PDB file of N, CA and C in Angstrom:
ATOM      1  N   MET A   1     145.828 123.409  84.169  1.00  0.00           N
ATOM      2  CA  MET A   1     146.517 122.220  84.659  1.00  0.00           C
ATOM      3  C   MET A   1     145.601 121.003  84.502  1.00  0.00           C
ATOM      4  N   LYS A   2     146.141 119.949  83.951  1.00  0.00           N
ATOM      5  CA  LYS A   2     145.366 118.738  83.732  1.00  0.00           C
ATOM      6  C   LYS A   2     145.165 117.985  85.049  1.00  0.00           C
ATOM      7  N   LYS A   3     143.981 117.385  85.175  1.00  0.00           N
ATOM      8  CA  LYS A   3     143.720 116.565  86.344  1.00  0.00           C
ATOM      9  C   LYS A   3     144.538 115.285  86.236  1.00  0.00           C
ATOM     10  N   ARG A   4     145.395 115.046  87.189  1.00  0.00           N
ATOM     11  CA  ARG A   4     146.307 113.898  87.172  1.00  0.00           C
ATOM     12  C   ARG A   4     145.563 112.601  87.474  1.00  0.00           C
ATOM     13  N   LEU A   5     146.056 111.528  86.901  1.00  0.00           N
ATOM     14  CA  LEU A   5     145.565 110.190  87.211  1.00  0.00           C
ATOM     15  C   LEU A   5     146.755 109.396  87.737  1.00  0.00           C
ATOM     16  N   GLU A   6     146.696 109.050  88.995  1.00  0.00           N
ATOM     17  CA  GLU A   6     147.778 108.283  89.619  1.00  0.00           C
ATOM     18  C   GLU A   6     147.190 107.009  90.201  1.00  0.00           C
ATOM     19  N   LEU A   7     147.724 105.873  89.752  1.00  0.00           N
ATOM     20  CA  LEU A   7     147.288 104.570  90.222  1.00  0.00           C
ATOM     21  C   LEU A   7     148.486 103.772  90.699  1.00  0.00           C
ATOM     22  N   THR A   8     148.230 102.770  91.507  1.00  0.00           N
ATOM     23  CA  THR A   8     149.298 101.871  91.947  1.00  0.00           C
ATOM     24  C   THR A   8     149.652 100.929  90.791  1.00  0.00           C
ATOM     25  N   PRO A   9     150.825 100.306  90.835  1.00  0.00           N
ATOM     26  CA  PRO A   9     151.149  99.316  89.797  1.00  0.00           C
ATOM     27  C   PRO A   9     150.077  98.223  89.666  1.00  0.00           C
ATOM     28  N   GLU A  10     149.517  97.795  90.778  1.00  0.00           N
ATOM     29  CA  GLU A  10     148.478  96.767  90.736  1.00  0.00           C
ATOM     30  C   GLU A  10     147.226  97.275  90.021  1.00  0.00           C
ATOM     31  N   GLU A  11     146.846  98.522  90.281  1.00  0.00           N
ATOM     32  CA  GLU A  11     145.682  99.102  89.611  1.00  0.00           C
ATOM     33  C   GLU A  11     145.929  99.255  88.112  1.00  0.00           C
ATOM     34  N   TRP A  12     147.158  99.647  87.731  1.00  0.00           N
ATOM     35  CA  TRP A  12     147.477  99.748  86.302  1.00  0.00           C
ATOM     36  C   TRP A  12     147.400  98.373  85.647  1.00  0.00           C
ATOM     37  N   LYS A  13     147.901  97.331  86.317  1.00  0.00           N
ATOM     38  CA  LYS A  13     147.865  95.977  85.757  1.00  0.00           C
ATOM     39  C   LYS A  13     146.438  95.494  85.534  1.00  0.00           C
ATOM     40  N   GLU A  14     145.521  95.897  86.422  1.00  0.00           N
ATOM     41  CA  GLU A  14     144.114  95.526  86.266  1.00  0.00           C
ATOM     42  C   GLU A  14     143.478  96.275  85.090  1.00  0.00           C
ATOM     43  N   ARG A  15     143.900  97.495  84.867  1.00  0.00           N
ATOM     44  CA  ARG A  15     143.291  98.370  83.859  1.00  0.00           C
ATOM     45  C   ARG A  15     143.819  98.099  82.452  1.00  0.00           C
ATOM     46  N   LEU A  16     145.102  97.746  82.323  1.00  0.00           N
ATOM     47  CA  LEU A  16     145.766  97.648  81.018  1.00  0.00           C
ATOM     48  C   LEU A  16     146.032  96.197  80.629  1.00  0.00           C
ATOM     49  N   SER A  17     146.112  95.957  79.330  1.00  0.00           N
ATOM     50  CA  SER A  17     146.529  94.638  78.847  1.00  0.00           C
ATOM     51  C   SER A  17     147.998  94.439  79.222  1.00  0.00           C
ATOM     52  N   PRO A  18     148.473  93.210  79.249  1.00  0.00           N
ATOM     53  CA  PRO A  18     149.884  92.987  79.576  1.00  0.00           C
ATOM     54  C   PRO A  18     150.846  93.751  78.654  1.00  0.00           C
ATOM     55  N   GLU A  19     150.556  93.798  77.351  1.00  0.00           N
ATOM     56  CA  GLU A  19     151.437  94.507  76.415  1.00  0.00           C
ATOM     57  C   GLU A  19     151.379  96.015  76.643  1.00  0.00           C
ATOM     58  N   CYS A  20     150.192  96.539  76.880  1.00  0.00           N
ATOM     59  CA  CYS A  20     150.054  97.974  77.157  1.00  0.00           C
ATOM     60  C   CYS A  20     150.773  98.334  78.454  1.00  0.00           C
ATOM     61  N   TYR A  21     150.674  97.482  79.460  1.00  0.00           N
ATOM     62  CA  TYR A  21     151.371  97.729  80.723  1.00  0.00           C
ATOM     63  C   TYR A  21     152.889  97.724  80.500  1.00  0.00           C
ATOM     64  N   ARG A  22     153.380  96.755  79.727  1.00  0.00           N
ATOM     65  CA  ARG A  22     154.824  96.651  79.460  1.00  0.00           C
ATOM     66  C   ARG A  22     155.347  97.923  78.804  1.00  0.00           C
ATOM     67  N   VAL A  23     154.604  98.458  77.851  1.00  0.00           N
ATOM     68  CA  VAL A  23     155.039  99.655  77.130  1.00  0.00           C
ATOM     69  C   VAL A  23     154.790 100.918  77.953  1.00  0.00           C
ATOM     70  N   CYS A  24     153.552 101.113  78.391  1.00  0.00           N
ATOM     71  CA  CYS A  24     153.173 102.371  79.044  1.00  0.00           C
ATOM     72  C   CYS A  24     153.771 102.554  80.441  1.00  0.00           C
ATOM     73  N   ARG A  25     153.802 101.506  81.195  1.00  0.00           N
ATOM     74  CA  ARG A  25     154.307 101.634  82.569  1.00  0.00           C
ATOM     75  C   ARG A  25     155.756 101.171  82.689  1.00  0.00           C
ATOM     76  N   GLY A  26     156.189 100.276  81.784  1.00  0.00           N
ATOM     77  CA  GLY A  26     157.553  99.754  81.847  1.00  0.00           C
ATOM     78  C   GLY A  26     158.499 100.370  80.831  1.00  0.00           C
ATOM     79  N   LYS A  27     158.021 101.380  80.074  1.00  0.00           N
ATOM     80  CA  LYS A  27     158.826 102.092  79.081  1.00  0.00           C
ATOM     81  C   LYS A  27     159.337 101.165  77.973  1.00  0.00           C
ATOM     82  N   GLY A  28     158.506 100.196  77.605  1.00  0.00           N
ATOM     83  CA  GLY A  28     158.870  99.272  76.546  1.00  0.00           C
ATOM     84  C   GLY A  28     158.627  99.860  75.165  1.00  0.00           C
ATOM     85  N   THR A  29     158.968  99.080  74.143  1.00  0.00           N
ATOM     86  CA  THR A  29     158.752  99.465  72.752  1.00  0.00           C
ATOM     87  C   THR A  29     158.183  98.266  72.011  1.00  0.00           C
ATOM     88  N   GLU A  30     157.163  98.513  71.204  1.00  0.00           N
ATOM     89  CA  GLU A  30     156.612  97.430  70.405  1.00  0.00           C
ATOM     90  C   GLU A  30     157.386  97.304  69.093  1.00  0.00           C
ATOM     91  N   ARG A  31     157.198  96.211  68.408  1.00  0.00           N
ATOM     92  CA  ARG A  31     157.922  95.958  67.160  1.00  0.00           C
ATOM     93  C   ARG A  31     157.446  96.902  66.052  1.00  0.00           C
ATOM     94  N   PRO A  32     158.364  97.368  65.221  1.00  0.00           N
ATOM     95  CA  PRO A  32     157.954  98.203  64.083  1.00  0.00           C
ATOM     96  C   PRO A  32     157.235  97.373  63.031  1.00  0.00           C
ATOM     97  N   PHE A  33     156.365  98.015  62.282  1.00  0.00           N
ATOM     98  CA  PHE A  33     155.612  97.414  61.178  1.00  0.00           C
ATOM     99  C   PHE A  33     154.720  96.253  61.613  1.00  0.00           C
ATOM    100  N   ALA A  34     154.547  96.059  62.910  1.00  0.00           N
ATOM    101  CA  ALA A  34     153.704  94.968  63.413  1.00  0.00           C
ATOM    102  C   ALA A  34     152.838  95.495  64.550  1.00  0.00           C
ATOM    103  N   ASN A  35     152.296  96.707  64.356  1.00  0.00           N
ATOM    104  CA  ASN A  35     151.468  97.313  65.381  1.00  0.00           C
ATOM    105  C   ASN A  35     150.237  97.939  64.724  1.00  0.00           C
ATOM    106  N   GLU A  36     149.246  98.235  65.513  1.00  0.00           N
ATOM    107  CA  GLU A  36     147.922  98.591  65.003  1.00  0.00           C
ATOM    108  C   GLU A  36     147.864  99.854  64.145  1.00  0.00           C
ATOM    109  N   TYR A  37     148.573 100.901  64.506  1.00  0.00           N
ATOM    110  CA  TYR A  37     148.364 102.185  63.844  1.00  0.00           C
ATOM    111  C   TYR A  37     149.476 102.652  62.908  1.00  0.00           C
ATOM    112  N   TRP A  38     150.517 101.885  62.700  1.00  0.00           N
ATOM    113  CA  TRP A  38     151.626 102.373  61.884  1.00  0.00           C
ATOM    114  C   TRP A  38     151.175 102.711  60.460  1.00  0.00           C
ATOM    115  N   ASP A  39     150.192 101.980  59.946  1.00  0.00           N
ATOM    116  CA  ASP A  39     149.729 102.215  58.575  1.00  0.00           C
ATOM    117  C   ASP A  39     148.234 102.558  58.556  1.00  0.00           C
ATOM    118  N   CYS A  40     147.742 103.140  59.614  1.00  0.00           N
ATOM    119  CA  CYS A  40     146.325 103.500  59.726  1.00  0.00           C
ATOM    120  C   CYS A  40     146.092 104.872  59.097  1.00  0.00           C
ATOM    121  N   HIS A  41     145.050 104.962  58.260  1.00  0.00           N
ATOM    122  CA  HIS A  41     144.738 106.221  57.584  1.00  0.00           C
ATOM    123  C   HIS A  41     143.341 106.734  57.953  1.00  0.00           C
ATOM    124  N   GLU A  42     142.760 106.177  58.996  1.00  0.00           N
ATOM    125  CA  GLU A  42     141.429 106.601  59.428  1.00  0.00           C
ATOM    126  C   GLU A  42     141.516 107.930  60.169  1.00  0.00           C
ATOM    127  N   LYS A  43     140.452 108.705  60.088  1.00  0.00           N
ATOM    128  CA  LYS A  43     140.401 110.031  60.705  1.00  0.00           C
ATOM    129  C   LYS A  43     139.900 109.927  62.140  1.00  0.00           C
ATOM    130  N   GLY A  44     140.476 110.763  63.005  1.00  0.00           N
ATOM    131  CA  GLY A  44     140.026 110.795  64.386  1.00  0.00           C
ATOM    132  C   GLY A  44     141.064 111.396  65.308  1.00  0.00           C
ATOM    133  N   THR A  45     140.854 111.144  66.580  1.00  0.00           N
ATOM    134  CA  THR A  45     141.740 111.643  67.628  1.00  0.00           C
ATOM    135  C   THR A  45     142.386 110.458  68.335  1.00  0.00           C
ATOM    136  N   TYR A  46     143.692 110.511  68.478  1.00  0.00           N
ATOM    137  CA  TYR A  46     144.420 109.484  69.210  1.00  0.00           C
ATOM    138  C   TYR A  46     144.506 109.917  70.667  1.00  0.00           C
ATOM    139  N   VAL A  47     144.020 109.053  71.555  1.00  0.00           N
ATOM    140  CA  VAL A  47     144.045 109.329  72.988  1.00  0.00           C
ATOM    141  C   VAL A  47     144.994 108.357  73.671  1.00  0.00           C
ATOM    142  N   CYS A  48     145.391 108.695  74.887  1.00  0.00           N
ATOM    143  CA  CYS A  48     146.232 107.802  75.688  1.00  0.00           C
ATOM    144  C   CYS A  48     145.446 106.529  75.984  1.00  0.00           C
ATOM    145  N   ALA A  49     146.023 105.378  75.729  1.00  0.00           N
ATOM    146  CA  ALA A  49     145.358 104.100  75.978  1.00  0.00           C
ATOM    147  C   ALA A  49     145.129 103.867  77.468  1.00  0.00           C
ATOM    148  N   ALA A  50     145.934 104.499  78.305  1.00  0.00           N
ATOM    149  CA  ALA A  50     145.835 104.284  79.745  1.00  0.00           C
ATOM    150  C   ALA A  50     144.792 105.174  80.419  1.00  0.00           C
ATOM    151  N   CYS A  51     144.677 106.445  79.965  1.00  0.00           N
ATOM    152  CA  CYS A  51     143.793 107.378  80.675  1.00  0.00           C
ATOM    153  C   CYS A  51     142.821 108.126  79.777  1.00  0.00           C
ATOM    154  N   LYS A  52     142.891 107.914  78.469  1.00  0.00           N
ATOM    155  CA  LYS A  52     141.982 108.531  77.482  1.00  0.00           C
ATOM    156  C   LYS A  52     142.227 110.023  77.265  1.00  0.00           C
ATOM    157  N   GLU A  53     143.352 110.561  77.684  1.00  0.00           N
ATOM    158  CA  GLU A  53     143.698 111.960  77.427  1.00  0.00           C
ATOM    159  C   GLU A  53     143.901 112.156  75.920  1.00  0.00           C
ATOM    160  N   PRO A  54     143.239 113.138  75.279  1.00  0.00           N
ATOM    161  CA  PRO A  54     143.477 113.408  73.865  1.00  0.00           C
ATOM    162  C   PRO A  54     144.922 113.854  73.630  1.00  0.00           C
ATOM    163  N   LEU A  55     145.600 113.216  72.673  1.00  0.00           N
ATOM    164  CA  LEU A  55     147.028 113.477  72.463  1.00  0.00           C
ATOM    165  C   LEU A  55     147.363 113.981  71.062  1.00  0.00           C
ATOM    166  N   PHE A  56     146.876 113.299  70.022  1.00  0.00           N
ATOM    167  CA  PHE A  56     147.260 113.613  68.645  1.00  0.00           C
ATOM    168  C   PHE A  56     146.041 113.553  67.732  1.00  0.00           C
ATOM    169  N   ARG A  57     146.077 114.338  66.644  1.00  0.00           N
ATOM    170  CA  ARG A  57     145.035 114.315  65.609  1.00  0.00           C
ATOM    171  C   ARG A  57     145.537 113.526  64.405  1.00  0.00           C
ATOM    172  N   SER A  58     144.631 112.840  63.754  1.00  0.00           N
ATOM    173  CA  SER A  58     145.009 112.084  62.556  1.00  0.00           C
ATOM    174  C   SER A  58     145.559 113.006  61.468  1.00  0.00           C
ATOM    175  N   GLU A  59     145.121 114.261  61.440  1.00  0.00           N
ATOM    176  CA  GLU A  59     145.608 115.225  60.440  1.00  0.00           C
ATOM    177  C   GLU A  59     147.101 115.506  60.600  1.00  0.00           C
ATOM    178  N   ASP A  60     147.643 115.270  61.787  1.00  0.00           N
ATOM    179  CA  ASP A  60     149.060 115.521  62.052  1.00  0.00           C
ATOM    180  C   ASP A  60     149.906 114.249  61.966  1.00  0.00           C
ATOM    181  N   LYS A  61     149.284 113.139  61.551  1.00  0.00           N
ATOM    182  CA  LYS A  61     149.994 111.860  61.413  1.00  0.00           C
ATOM    183  C   LYS A  61     150.606 111.783  60.013  1.00  0.00           C
ATOM    184  N   TYR A  62     151.768 111.194  59.915  1.00  0.00           N
ATOM    185  CA  TYR A  62     152.409 111.020  58.604  1.00  0.00           C
ATOM    186  C   TYR A  62     153.220 109.734  58.593  1.00  0.00           C
ATOM    187  N   ASP A  63     153.552 109.275  57.398  1.00  0.00           N
ATOM    188  CA  ASP A  63     154.350 108.051  57.238  1.00  0.00           C
ATOM    189  C   ASP A  63     155.817 108.417  57.334  1.00  0.00           C
ATOM    190  N   SER A  64     156.423 108.064  58.458  1.00  0.00           N
ATOM    191  CA  SER A  64     157.837 108.379  58.679  1.00  0.00           C
ATOM    192  C   SER A  64     158.753 107.282  58.146  1.00  0.00           C
ATOM    193  N   GLY A  65     158.171 106.157  57.726  1.00  0.00           N
ATOM    194  CA  GLY A  65     158.972 105.042  57.229  1.00  0.00           C
ATOM    195  C   GLY A  65     159.608 104.212  58.335  1.00  0.00           C
ATOM    196  N   THR A  66     159.266 104.502  59.604  1.00  0.00           N
ATOM    197  CA  THR A  66     159.887 103.813  60.734  1.00  0.00           C
ATOM    198  C   THR A  66     159.124 102.579  61.193  1.00  0.00           C
ATOM    199  N   GLY A  67     157.829 102.478  60.814  1.00  0.00           N
ATOM    200  CA  GLY A  67     157.025 101.349  61.261  1.00  0.00           C
ATOM    201  C   GLY A  67     156.248 101.623  62.530  1.00  0.00           C
ATOM    202  N   TRP A  68     156.288 102.849  63.015  1.00  0.00           N
ATOM    203  CA  TRP A  68     155.489 103.275  64.166  1.00  0.00           C
ATOM    204  C   TRP A  68     154.668 104.488  63.751  1.00  0.00           C
ATOM    205  N   PRO A  69     153.506 104.701  64.375  1.00  0.00           N
ATOM    206  CA  PRO A  69     152.749 105.907  64.052  1.00  0.00           C
ATOM    207  C   PRO A  69     153.545 107.149  64.452  1.00  0.00           C
ATOM    208  N   SER A  70     153.606 108.113  63.549  1.00  0.00           N
ATOM    209  CA  SER A  70     154.382 109.327  63.779  1.00  0.00           C
ATOM    210  C   SER A  70     153.509 110.550  63.539  1.00  0.00           C
ATOM    211  N   PHE A  71     153.715 111.546  64.366  1.00  0.00           N
ATOM    212  CA  PHE A  71     152.916 112.763  64.319  1.00  0.00           C
ATOM    213  C   PHE A  71     153.838 113.975  64.324  1.00  0.00           C
ATOM    214  N   MET A  72     153.369 115.075  63.697  1.00  0.00           N
ATOM    215  CA  MET A  72     154.140 116.321  63.657  1.00  0.00           C
ATOM    216  C   MET A  72     154.077 117.085  64.967  1.00  0.00           C
ATOM    217  N   ARG A  73     152.967 116.915  65.696  1.00  0.00           N
ATOM    218  CA  ARG A  73     152.773 117.684  66.928  1.00  0.00           C
ATOM    219  C   ARG A  73     151.660 117.049  67.745  1.00  0.00           C
ATOM    220  N   PRO A  74     151.657 117.289  69.059  1.00  0.00           N
ATOM    221  CA  PRO A  74     150.502 116.889  69.872  1.00  0.00           C
ATOM    222  C   PRO A  74     149.359 117.883  69.675  1.00  0.00           C
ATOM    223  N   ILE A  75     148.175 117.525  70.117  1.00  0.00           N
ATOM    224  CA  ILE A  75     147.021 118.420  70.029  1.00  0.00           C
ATOM    225  C   ILE A  75     147.330 119.736  70.744  1.00  0.00           C
ATOM    226  N   GLU A  76     147.873 119.634  71.951  1.00  0.00           N
ATOM    227  CA  GLU A  76     148.316 120.793  72.725  1.00  0.00           C
ATOM    228  C   GLU A  76     149.689 120.457  73.288  1.00  0.00           C
ATOM    229  N   LYS A  77     150.550 121.447  73.413  1.00  0.00           N
ATOM    230  CA  LYS A  77     151.864 121.197  74.016  1.00  0.00           C
ATOM    231  C   LYS A  77     151.708 120.588  75.404  1.00  0.00           C
ATOM    232  N   GLU A  78     150.647 121.001  76.119  1.00  0.00           N
ATOM    233  CA  GLU A  78     150.419 120.538  77.483  1.00  0.00           C
ATOM    234  C   GLU A  78     149.906 119.101  77.559  1.00  0.00           C
ATOM    235  N   SER A  79     149.586 118.480  76.422  1.00  0.00           N
ATOM    236  CA  SER A  79     149.073 117.109  76.405  1.00  0.00           C
ATOM    237  C   SER A  79     150.147 116.083  76.742  1.00  0.00           C
ATOM    238  N   VAL A  80     151.387 116.438  76.458  1.00  0.00           N
ATOM    239  CA  VAL A  80     152.504 115.520  76.689  1.00  0.00           C
ATOM    240  C   VAL A  80     153.620 116.238  77.454  1.00  0.00           C
ATOM    241  N   HIS A  81     154.439 115.459  78.102  1.00  0.00           N
ATOM    242  CA  HIS A  81     155.664 115.973  78.717  1.00  0.00           C
ATOM    243  C   HIS A  81     156.848 115.330  78.008  1.00  0.00           C
ATOM    244  N   LEU A  82     157.902 116.090  77.839  1.00  0.00           N
ATOM    245  CA  LEU A  82     159.134 115.599  77.217  1.00  0.00           C
ATOM    246  C   LEU A  82     160.194 115.497  78.289  1.00  0.00           C
ATOM    247  N   LYS A  83     160.889 114.357  78.305  1.00  0.00           N
ATOM    248  CA  LYS A  83     161.922 114.115  79.310  1.00  0.00           C
ATOM    249  C   LYS A  83     163.153 113.517  78.645  1.00  0.00           C
ATOM    250  N   PRO A  84     164.338 113.857  79.142  1.00  0.00           N
ATOM    251  CA  PRO A  84     165.527 113.162  78.635  1.00  0.00           C
ATOM    252  C   PRO A  84     165.383 111.665  78.942  1.00  0.00           C
ATOM    253  N   ASP A  85     165.657 110.831  77.947  1.00  0.00           N
ATOM    254  CA  ASP A  85     165.580 109.386  78.134  1.00  0.00           C
ATOM    255  C   ASP A  85     166.739 108.932  79.014  1.00  0.00           C
ATOM    256  N   GLU A  86     166.579 107.772  79.614  1.00  0.00           N
ATOM    257  CA  GLU A  86     167.626 107.242  80.497  1.00  0.00           C
ATOM    258  C   GLU A  86     168.952 107.044  79.781  1.00  0.00           C
ATOM    259  N   ASP A  87     168.905 106.784  78.455  1.00  0.00           N
ATOM    260  CA  ASP A  87     170.150 106.570  77.713  1.00  0.00           C
ATOM    261  C   ASP A  87     170.853 107.889  77.368  1.00  0.00           C
ATOM    262  N   GLY A  88     170.177 109.033  77.610  1.00  0.00           N
ATOM    263  CA  GLY A  88     170.779 110.332  77.357  1.00  0.00           C
ATOM    264  C   GLY A  88     170.832 110.736  75.896  1.00  0.00           C
ATOM    265  N   ARG A  89     170.364 109.867  74.996  1.00  0.00           N
ATOM    266  CA  ARG A  89     170.440 110.159  73.555  1.00  0.00           C
ATOM    267  C   ARG A  89     169.110 110.562  72.949  1.00  0.00           C
ATOM    268  N   ARG A  90     168.031 110.225  73.617  1.00  0.00           N
ATOM    269  CA  ARG A  90     166.704 110.487  73.055  1.00  0.00           C
ATOM    270  C   ARG A  90     165.863 111.302  74.040  1.00  0.00           C
ATOM    271  N   THR A  91     164.714 111.764  73.532  1.00  0.00           N
ATOM    272  CA  THR A  91     163.765 112.480  74.374  1.00  0.00           C
ATOM    273  C   THR A  91     162.490 111.657  74.449  1.00  0.00           C
ATOM    274  N   GLU A  92     162.150 111.247  75.648  1.00  0.00           N
ATOM    275  CA  GLU A  92     160.955 110.442  75.886  1.00  0.00           C
ATOM    276  C   GLU A  92     159.718 111.336  75.881  1.00  0.00           C
ATOM    277  N   VAL A  93     158.605 110.792  75.382  1.00  0.00           N
ATOM    278  CA  VAL A  93     157.312 111.465  75.402  1.00  0.00           C
ATOM    279  C   VAL A  93     156.406 110.674  76.342  1.00  0.00           C
ATOM    280  N   VAL A  94     155.839 111.363  77.338  1.00  0.00           N
ATOM    281  CA  VAL A  94     154.913 110.727  78.268  1.00  0.00           C
ATOM    282  C   VAL A  94     153.607 111.512  78.294  1.00  0.00           C
ATOM    283  N   CYS A  95     152.530 110.842  78.630  1.00  0.00           N
ATOM    284  CA  CYS A  95     151.226 111.472  78.775  1.00  0.00           C
ATOM    285  C   CYS A  95     151.278 112.432  79.966  1.00  0.00           C
ATOM    286  N   ALA A  96     150.802 113.651  79.764  1.00  0.00           N
ATOM    287  CA  ALA A  96     150.832 114.656  80.831  1.00  0.00           C
ATOM    288  C   ALA A  96     149.864 114.310  81.963  1.00  0.00           C
ATOM    289  N   ARG A  97     148.841 113.527  81.673  1.00  0.00           N
ATOM    290  CA  ARG A  97     147.850 113.211  82.706  1.00  0.00           C
ATOM    291  C   ARG A  97     148.253 112.034  83.584  1.00  0.00           C
ATOM    292  N   CYS A  98     148.851 110.983  82.981  1.00  0.00           N
ATOM    293  CA  CYS A  98     149.113 109.765  83.766  1.00  0.00           C
ATOM    294  C   CYS A  98     150.563 109.289  83.737  1.00  0.00           C
ATOM    295  N   ASP A  99     151.437 110.025  83.053  1.00  0.00           N
ATOM    296  CA  ASP A  99     152.862 109.676  82.958  1.00  0.00           C
ATOM    297  C   ASP A  99     153.140 108.366  82.227  1.00  0.00           C
ATOM    298  N   SER A 100     152.196 107.904  81.427  1.00  0.00           N
ATOM    299  CA  SER A 100     152.461 106.691  80.648  1.00  0.00           C
ATOM    300  C   SER A 100     153.470 106.994  79.548  1.00  0.00           C
ATOM    301  N   HIS A 101     154.395 106.076  79.353  1.00  0.00           N
ATOM    302  CA  HIS A 101     155.370 106.171  78.264  1.00  0.00           C
ATOM    303  C   HIS A 101     154.622 105.995  76.946  1.00  0.00           C
ATOM    304  N   LEU A 102     154.819 106.948  76.029  1.00  0.00           N
ATOM    305  CA  LEU A 102     154.166 106.892  74.717  1.00  0.00           C
ATOM    306  C   LEU A 102     155.144 106.559  73.606  1.00  0.00           C
ATOM    307  N   GLY A 103     156.364 107.074  73.693  1.00  0.00           N
ATOM    308  CA  GLY A 103     157.368 106.891  72.650  1.00  0.00           C
ATOM    309  C   GLY A 103     158.456 107.930  72.801  1.00  0.00           C
ATOM    310  N   HIS A 104     158.964 108.430  71.662  1.00  0.00           N
ATOM    311  CA  HIS A 104     160.058 109.409  71.670  1.00  0.00           C
ATOM    312  C   HIS A 104     159.806 110.476  70.610  1.00  0.00           C
ATOM    313  N   VAL A 105     160.438 111.618  70.777  1.00  0.00           N
ATOM    314  CA  VAL A 105     160.349 112.687  69.783  1.00  0.00           C
ATOM    315  C   VAL A 105     161.736 112.944  69.216  1.00  0.00           C
ATOM    316  N   PHE A 106     161.773 113.185  67.896  1.00  0.00           N
ATOM    317  CA  PHE A 106     163.027 113.424  67.188  1.00  0.00           C
ATOM    318  C   PHE A 106     162.889 114.685  66.346  1.00  0.00           C
ATOM    319  N   ASP A 107     164.004 115.281  65.980  1.00  0.00           N
ATOM    320  CA  ASP A 107     164.031 116.518  65.195  1.00  0.00           C
ATOM    321  C   ASP A 107     164.223 116.258  63.704  1.00  0.00           C
ATOM    322  N   ASP A 108     163.694 115.142  63.192  1.00  0.00           N
ATOM    323  CA  ASP A 108     163.881 114.806  61.780  1.00  0.00           C
ATOM    324  C   ASP A 108     162.547 114.673  61.032  1.00  0.00           C
ATOM    325  N   GLY A 109     161.527 115.377  61.506  1.00  0.00           N
ATOM    326  CA  GLY A 109     160.215 115.313  60.881  1.00  0.00           C
ATOM    327  C   GLY A 109     160.065 116.323  59.753  1.00  0.00           C
ATOM    328  N   PRO A 110     158.906 116.297  59.111  1.00  0.00           N
ATOM    329  CA  PRO A 110     158.649 117.217  57.993  1.00  0.00           C
ATOM    330  C   PRO A 110     158.290 118.630  58.481  1.00  0.00           C
ATOM    331  N   PRO A 111     158.394 119.611  57.582  1.00  0.00           N
ATOM    332  CA  PRO A 111     157.919 120.953  57.917  1.00  0.00           C
ATOM    333  C   PRO A 111     156.401 120.897  58.173  1.00  0.00           C
ATOM    334  N   PRO A 112     155.830 121.776  58.921  1.00  0.00           N
ATOM    335  CA  PRO A 112     156.468 122.978  59.448  1.00  0.00           C
ATOM    336  C   PRO A 112     157.161 122.760  60.806  1.00  0.00           C
ATOM    337  N   THR A 113     156.870 121.653  61.502  1.00  0.00           N
ATOM    338  CA  THR A 113     157.417 121.485  62.860  1.00  0.00           C
ATOM    339  C   THR A 113     158.808 120.862  62.874  1.00  0.00           C
ATOM    340  N   LYS A 114     159.109 120.061  61.843  1.00  0.00           N
ATOM    341  CA  LYS A 114     160.357 119.285  61.772  1.00  0.00           C
ATOM    342  C   LYS A 114     160.497 118.315  62.946  1.00  0.00           C
ATOM    343  N   LYS A 115     159.358 117.930  63.539  1.00  0.00           N
ATOM    344  CA  LYS A 115     159.326 116.988  64.656  1.00  0.00           C
ATOM    345  C   LYS A 115     158.739 115.663  64.200  1.00  0.00           C
ATOM    346  N   ARG A 116     159.218 114.592  64.829  1.00  0.00           N
ATOM    347  CA  ARG A 116     158.655 113.256  64.631  1.00  0.00           C
ATOM    348  C   ARG A 116     158.336 112.687  66.006  1.00  0.00           C
ATOM    349  N   PHE A 117     157.069 112.791  66.371  1.00  0.00           N
ATOM    350  CA  PHE A 117     156.612 112.162  67.599  1.00  0.00           C
ATOM    351  C   PHE A 117     156.326 110.711  67.229  1.00  0.00           C
ATOM    352  N   CYS A 118     157.272 109.847  67.515  1.00  0.00           N
ATOM    353  CA  CYS A 118     157.239 108.436  67.137  1.00  0.00           C
ATOM    354  C   CYS A 118     156.661 107.643  68.314  1.00  0.00           C
ATOM    355  N   MET A 119     155.403 107.206  68.162  1.00  0.00           N
ATOM    356  CA  MET A 119     154.653 106.635  69.268  1.00  0.00           C
ATOM    357  C   MET A 119     154.461 105.130  69.129  1.00  0.00           C
ATOM    358  N   ASN A 120     154.232 104.474  70.245  1.00  0.00           N
ATOM    359  CA  ASN A 120     153.851 103.073  70.262  1.00  0.00           C
ATOM    360  C   ASN A 120     152.338 102.983  70.070  1.00  0.00           C
ATOM    361  N   SER A 121     151.883 102.171  69.121  1.00  0.00           N
ATOM    362  CA  SER A 121     150.450 102.021  68.885  1.00  0.00           C
ATOM    363  C   SER A 121     149.707 101.572  70.132  1.00  0.00           C
ATOM    364  N   VAL A 122     150.294 100.655  70.878  1.00  0.00           N
ATOM    365  CA  VAL A 122     149.611 100.103  72.043  1.00  0.00           C
ATOM    366  C   VAL A 122     149.395 101.163  73.133  1.00  0.00           C
ATOM    367  N   ALA A 123     150.129 102.261  73.078  1.00  0.00           N
ATOM    368  CA  ALA A 123     149.965 103.353  74.031  1.00  0.00           C
ATOM    369  C   ALA A 123     148.852 104.311  73.606  1.00  0.00           C
ATOM    370  N   LEU A 124     148.294 104.092  72.415  1.00  0.00           N
ATOM    371  CA  LEU A 124     147.269 104.974  71.866  1.00  0.00           C
ATOM    372  C   LEU A 124     145.982 104.215  71.602  1.00  0.00           C
ATOM    373  N   LYS A 125     144.897 104.959  71.512  1.00  0.00           N
ATOM    374  CA  LYS A 125     143.609 104.438  71.095  1.00  0.00           C
ATOM    375  C   LYS A 125     143.006 105.472  70.158  1.00  0.00           C
ATOM    376  N   LEU A 126     142.600 105.039  68.958  1.00  0.00           N
ATOM    377  CA  LEU A 126     142.024 105.950  67.979  1.00  0.00           C
ATOM    378  C   LEU A 126     140.510 106.047  68.191  1.00  0.00           C
ATOM    379  N   LEU A 127     140.049 107.266  68.472  1.00  0.00           N
ATOM    380  CA  LEU A 127     138.623 107.549  68.523  1.00  0.00           C
ATOM    381  C   LEU A 127     138.254 108.111  67.152  1.00  0.00           C
ATOM    382  N   LYS A 128     137.556 107.316  66.346  1.00  0.00           N
ATOM    383  CA  LYS A 128     137.274 107.690  64.960  1.00  0.00           C
ATOM    384  C   LYS A 128     136.217 108.781  64.881  1.00  0.00           C
ATOM    385  N   ASN A 129     136.393 109.663  63.877  1.00  0.00           N
ATOM    386  CA  ASN A 129     135.407 110.729  63.633  1.00  0.00           C
ATOM    387  C   ASN A 129     134.156 110.144  63.022  1.00  0.00           C
TER     388      ASN A 129
END
């Protein structure tokens, strides 16, 4: 079981940039093709921008053509939680440690997983190898 990180809204606002707070705590979405990692090809580990939990490997990142960084799978299934989105049409992906909104997962990815974990760049931080 992962050690949880729970902060008040005020503590999150102090810790995160306004845009990161809007996305991670307010379930926002950043613009496609205008974010830090959509076209990043550097090697490393993507961690949660809010709590630094390791989430995705660069080896599992691919160009989905959507304008957001997309991954075939998380590092561990336990790294993220999947929840039905409020609109009932999508599945939200949140950090298992701090419940920050990361993006959504879809069933239209490449083999072998056929998953597209479509994430917001501002919700991630790349720790380069």
